[in-house]
């Protein structure tokens, strides 16, 4: 592998890692999900049971 390939690989890994960290933080805050109408979601019943009141 040459140097430009290694640099591009490192940049891609950094971007991917940032996206994963961002998504995990949103999920911990309870803001994760599809963002669509929850009544049409197949998991709506189980998610309502886990949502703090």
PDB file of N, CA and C in Angstrom:
ATOM      1  N   UNK A   1       0.847  -1.181   0.000  1.00  0.00           N
ATOM      2  CA  UNK A   1       0.000   0.000   0.000  1.00  0.00           C
ATOM      3  C   UNK A   1       0.888   1.239   0.000  1.00  0.00           C
ATOM      4  N   UNK A   2       0.476   2.205  -0.767  1.00  0.00           N
ATOM      5  CA  UNK A   2       1.253   3.430  -0.795  1.00  0.00           C
ATOM      6  C   UNK A   2       0.645   4.462   0.151  1.00  0.00           C
ATOM      7  N   UNK A   3       1.337   5.539   0.358  1.00  0.00           N
ATOM      8  CA  UNK A   3       0.965   6.543   1.349  1.00  0.00           C
ATOM      9  C   UNK A   3      -0.407   7.174   1.090  1.00  0.00           C
ATOM     10  N   UNK A   4      -0.751   7.582  -0.112  1.00  0.00           N
ATOM     11  CA  UNK A   4      -2.079   8.168  -0.327  1.00  0.00           C
ATOM     12  C   UNK A   4      -3.224   7.196   0.018  1.00  0.00           C
ATOM     13  N   UNK A   5      -3.037   5.926  -0.271  1.00  0.00           N
ATOM     14  CA  UNK A   5      -4.057   4.938   0.068  1.00  0.00           C
ATOM     15  C   UNK A   5      -4.239   4.834   1.573  1.00  0.00           C
ATOM     16  N   UNK A   6      -3.159   4.847   2.307  1.00  0.00           N
ATOM     17  CA  UNK A   6      -3.209   4.776   3.772  1.00  0.00           C
ATOM     18  C   UNK A   6      -3.889   6.022   4.340  1.00  0.00           C
ATOM     19  N   UNK A   7      -3.601   7.170   3.780  1.00  0.00           N
ATOM     20  CA  UNK A   7      -4.205   8.425   4.254  1.00  0.00           C
ATOM     21  C   UNK A   7      -5.715   8.412   4.013  1.00  0.00           C
ATOM     22  N   UNK A   8      -6.134   7.994   2.833  1.00  0.00           N
ATOM     23  CA  UNK A   8      -7.565   7.927   2.521  1.00  0.00           C
ATOM     24  C   UNK A   8      -8.256   6.925   3.438  1.00  0.00           C
ATOM     25  N   UNK A   9      -7.635   5.795   3.689  1.00  0.00           N
ATOM     26  CA  UNK A   9      -8.190   4.791   4.591  1.00  0.00           C
ATOM     27  C   UNK A   9      -8.357   5.349   6.001  1.00  0.00           C
ATOM     28  N   UNK A  10      -7.376   6.073   6.490  1.00  0.00           N
ATOM     29  CA  UNK A  10      -7.459   6.671   7.821  1.00  0.00           C
ATOM     30  C   UNK A  10      -8.571   7.716   7.896  1.00  0.00           C
ATOM     31  N   UNK A  11      -8.725   8.519   6.865  1.00  0.00           N
ATOM     32  CA  UNK A  11      -9.789   9.525   6.841  1.00  0.00           C
ATOM     33  C   UNK A  11     -11.156   8.846   6.848  1.00  0.00           C
ATOM     34  N   UNK A  12     -11.325   7.809   6.045  1.00  0.00           N
ATOM     35  CA  UNK A  12     -12.593   7.086   6.007  1.00  0.00           C
ATOM     36  C   UNK A  12     -12.915   6.436   7.348  1.00  0.00           C
ATOM     37  N   UNK A  13     -11.925   5.862   7.988  1.00  0.00           N
ATOM     38  CA  UNK A  13     -12.142   5.260   9.307  1.00  0.00           C
ATOM     39  C   UNK A  13     -12.513   6.313  10.348  1.00  0.00           C
ATOM     40  N   UNK A  14     -11.901   7.486  10.265  1.00  0.00           N
ATOM     41  CA  UNK A  14     -12.227   8.562  11.205  1.00  0.00           C
ATOM     42  C   UNK A  14     -13.658   9.045  11.011  1.00  0.00           C
ATOM     43  N   UNK A  15     -14.078   9.188   9.760  1.00  0.00           N
ATOM     44  CA  UNK A  15     -15.451   9.626   9.477  1.00  0.00           C
ATOM     45  C   UNK A  15     -16.446   8.571   9.958  1.00  0.00           C
ATOM     46  N   UNK A  16     -16.191   7.324   9.671  1.00  0.00           N
ATOM     47  CA  UNK A  16     -17.070   6.244  10.108  1.00  0.00           C
ATOM     48  C   UNK A  16     -17.154   6.181  11.626  1.00  0.00           C
ATOM     49  N   UNK A  17     -16.030   6.324  12.294  1.00  0.00           N
ATOM     50  CA  UNK A  17     -16.025   6.313  13.760  1.00  0.00           C
ATOM     51  C   UNK A  17     -16.828   7.479  14.314  1.00  0.00           C
ATOM     52  N   UNK A  18     -16.695   8.642  13.706  1.00  0.00           N
ATOM     53  CA  UNK A  18     -17.461   9.808  14.149  1.00  0.00           C
ATOM     54  C   UNK A  18     -18.957   9.605  13.999  1.00  0.00           C
ATOM     55  N   UNK A  19     -19.370   8.988  12.904  1.00  0.00           N
ATOM     56  CA  UNK A  19     -20.788   8.719  12.684  1.00  0.00           C
ATOM     57  C   UNK A  19     -21.313   7.747  13.733  1.00  0.00           C
ATOM     58  N   UNK A  20     -20.563   6.705  14.029  1.00  0.00           N
ATOM     59  CA  UNK A  20     -20.988   5.720  15.023  1.00  0.00           C
ATOM     60  C   UNK A  20     -21.098   6.362  16.403  1.00  0.00           C
ATOM     61  N   UNK A  21     -20.135   7.178  16.780  1.00  0.00           N
ATOM     62  CA  UNK A  21     -20.179   7.851  18.079  1.00  0.00           C
ATOM     63  C   UNK A  21     -21.378   8.785  18.152  1.00  0.00           C
ATOM     64  N   UNK A  22     -21.645   9.527  17.091  1.00  0.00           N
ATOM     65  CA  UNK A  22     -22.784  10.439  17.044  1.00  0.00           C
ATOM     66  C   UNK A  22     -24.099   9.682  17.212  1.00  0.00           C
ATOM     67  N   UNK A  23     -24.234   8.563  16.507  1.00  0.00           N
ATOM     68  CA  UNK A  23     -25.464   7.782  16.594  1.00  0.00           C
ATOM     69  C   UNK A  23     -25.644   7.174  17.984  1.00  0.00           C
ATOM     70  N   UNK A  24     -24.581   6.715  18.587  1.00  0.00           N
ATOM     71  CA  UNK A  24     -24.683   6.136  19.936  1.00  0.00           C
ATOM     72  C   UNK A  24     -25.061   7.198  20.962  1.00  0.00           C
ATOM     73  N   UNK A  25     -24.517   8.399  20.829  1.00  0.00           N
ATOM     74  CA  UNK A  25     -24.873   9.491  21.750  1.00  0.00           C
ATOM     75  C   UNK A  25     -26.346   9.852  21.619  1.00  0.00           C
ATOM     76  N   UNK A  26     -26.833   9.923  20.372  1.00  0.00           N
ATOM     77  CA  UNK A  26     -28.251  10.236  20.166  1.00  0.00           C
ATOM     78  C   UNK A  26     -29.134   9.152  20.764  1.00  0.00           C
ATOM     79  N   UNK A  27     -28.744   7.902  20.614  1.00  0.00           N
ATOM     80  CA  UNK A  27     -29.538   6.801  21.156  1.00  0.00           C
ATOM     81  C   UNK A  27     -29.562   6.860  22.680  1.00  0.00           C
ATOM     82  N   UNK A  28     -28.437   7.183  23.306  1.00  0.00           N
ATOM     83  CA  UNK A  28     -28.387   7.301  24.767  1.00  0.00           C
ATOM     84  C   UNK A  28     -29.280   8.433  25.256  1.00  0.00           C
ATOM     85  N   UNK A  29     -29.391   9.492  24.472  1.00  0.00           N
ATOM     86  CA  UNK A  29     -30.230  10.629  24.839  1.00  0.00           C
ATOM     87  C   UNK A  29     -31.698  10.371  24.527  1.00  0.00           C
ATOM     88  N   UNK A  30     -31.999   9.255  23.907  1.00  0.00           N
ATOM     89  CA  UNK A  30     -33.369   8.917  23.562  1.00  0.00           C
ATOM     90  C   UNK A  30     -33.854   9.578  22.297  1.00  0.00           C
ATOM     91  N   UNK A  31     -32.957  10.112  21.512  1.00  0.00           N
ATOM     92  CA  UNK A  31     -33.329  10.805  20.284  1.00  0.00           C
ATOM     93  C   UNK A  31     -33.101   9.951  19.047  1.00  0.00           C
ATOM     94  N   UNK A  32     -32.635   8.745  19.225  1.00  0.00           N
ATOM     95  CA  UNK A  32     -32.379   7.878  18.090  1.00  0.00           C
ATOM     96  C   UNK A  32     -33.658   7.271  17.572  1.00  0.00           C
ATOM     97  N   UNK A  33     -33.634   6.769  16.387  1.00  0.00           N
ATOM     98  CA  UNK A  33     -34.806   6.125  15.799  1.00  0.00           C
ATOM     99  C   UNK A  33     -34.997   6.542  14.372  1.00  0.00           C
ATOM    100  N   UNK A  34     -36.096   6.110  13.821  1.00  0.00           N
ATOM    101  CA  UNK A  34     -36.327   6.345  12.399  1.00  0.00           C
ATOM    102  C   UNK A  34     -36.812   7.768  12.121  1.00  0.00           C
ATOM    103  N   UNK A  35     -37.504   8.398  13.072  1.00  0.00           N
ATOM    104  CA  UNK A  35     -38.012   9.741  12.861  1.00  0.00           C
ATOM    105  C   UNK A  35     -39.325   9.764  12.105  1.00  0.00           C
ATOM    106  N   UNK A  36     -39.899   8.613  11.885  1.00  0.00           N
ATOM    107  CA  UNK A  36     -41.172   8.525  11.164  1.00  0.00           C
ATOM    108  C   UNK A  36     -42.326   8.456  12.159  1.00  0.00           C
ATOM    109  N   UNK A  37     -43.492   8.177  11.646  1.00  0.00           N
ATOM    110  CA  UNK A  37     -44.682   8.049  12.466  1.00  0.00           C
ATOM    111  C   UNK A  37     -44.567   6.782  13.317  1.00  0.00           C
ATOM    112  N   UNK A  38     -44.500   6.923  14.624  1.00  0.00           N
ATOM    113  CA  UNK A  38     -44.282   5.773  15.514  1.00  0.00           C
ATOM    114  C   UNK A  38     -45.462   4.812  15.531  1.00  0.00           C
ATOM    115  N   UNK A  39     -46.663   5.274  15.228  1.00  0.00           N
ATOM    116  CA  UNK A  39     -47.811   4.383  15.248  1.00  0.00           C
ATOM    117  C   UNK A  39     -47.730   3.340  14.137  1.00  0.00           C
ATOM    118  N   UNK A  40     -46.981   3.632  13.087  1.00  0.00           N
ATOM    119  CA  UNK A  40     -46.831   2.688  11.986  1.00  0.00           C
ATOM    120  C   UNK A  40     -45.591   1.808  12.135  1.00  0.00           C
ATOM    121  N   UNK A  41     -44.821   2.041  13.147  1.00  0.00           N
ATOM    122  CA  UNK A  41     -43.597   1.280  13.374  1.00  0.00           C
ATOM    123  C   UNK A  41     -43.942  -0.109  13.916  1.00  0.00           C
ATOM    124  N   UNK A  42     -43.349  -1.179  13.389  1.00  0.00           N
ATOM    125  CA  UNK A  42     -43.658  -2.516  13.884  1.00  0.00           C
ATOM    126  C   UNK A  42     -43.229  -2.721  15.342  1.00  0.00           C
ATOM    127  N   UNK A  43     -42.315  -1.917  15.835  1.00  0.00           N
ATOM    128  CA  UNK A  43     -41.840  -2.049  17.215  1.00  0.00           C
ATOM    129  C   UNK A  43     -42.474  -1.007  18.133  1.00  0.00           C
ATOM    130  N   UNK A  44     -43.549  -0.380  17.725  1.00  0.00           N
ATOM    131  CA  UNK A  44     -44.149   0.714  18.489  1.00  0.00           C
ATOM    132  C   UNK A  44     -44.570   0.271  19.881  1.00  0.00           C
ATOM    133  N   UNK A  45     -45.145  -0.902  20.003  1.00  0.00           N
ATOM    134  CA  UNK A  45     -45.618  -1.367  21.314  1.00  0.00           C
ATOM    135  C   UNK A  45     -44.458  -1.579  22.285  1.00  0.00           C
ATOM    136  N   UNK A  46     -43.387  -2.191  21.823  1.00  0.00           N
ATOM    137  CA  UNK A  46     -42.262  -2.467  22.715  1.00  0.00           C
ATOM    138  C   UNK A  46     -41.523  -1.173  23.068  1.00  0.00           C
ATOM    139  N   UNK A  47     -41.502  -0.217  22.151  1.00  0.00           N
ATOM    140  CA  UNK A  47     -40.820   1.040  22.435  1.00  0.00           C
ATOM    141  C   UNK A  47     -41.608   1.878  23.434  1.00  0.00           C
ATOM    142  N   UNK A  48     -42.924   1.829  23.379  1.00  0.00           N
ATOM    143  CA  UNK A  48     -43.733   2.576  24.333  1.00  0.00           C
ATOM    144  C   UNK A  48     -43.539   2.034  25.737  1.00  0.00           C
ATOM    145  N   UNK A  49     -43.347   0.733  25.861  1.00  0.00           N
ATOM    146  CA  UNK A  49     -43.156   0.127  27.180  1.00  0.00           C
ATOM    147  C   UNK A  49     -41.808   0.522  27.777  1.00  0.00           C
ATOM    148  N   UNK A  50     -40.802   0.798  26.939  1.00  0.00           N
ATOM    149  CA  UNK A  50     -39.472   1.143  27.418  1.00  0.00           C
ATOM    150  C   UNK A  50     -39.255   2.646  27.575  1.00  0.00           C
ATOM    151  N   UNK A  51     -40.209   3.464  27.142  1.00  0.00           N
ATOM    152  CA  UNK A  51     -40.059   4.912  27.201  1.00  0.00           C
ATOM    153  C   UNK A  51     -40.375   5.401  28.607  1.00  0.00           C
ATOM    154  N   UNK A  52     -39.429   6.149  29.232  1.00  0.00           N
ATOM    155  CA  UNK A  52     -39.725   6.674  30.557  1.00  0.00           C
ATOM    156  C   UNK A  52     -40.800   7.745  30.504  1.00  0.00           C
ATOM    157  N   UNK A  53     -41.669   7.745  31.480  1.00  0.00           N
ATOM    158  CA  UNK A  53     -42.782   8.713  31.515  1.00  0.00           C
ATOM    159  C   UNK A  53     -42.387   9.990  32.203  1.00  0.00           C
TER     160      UNK A  53
END
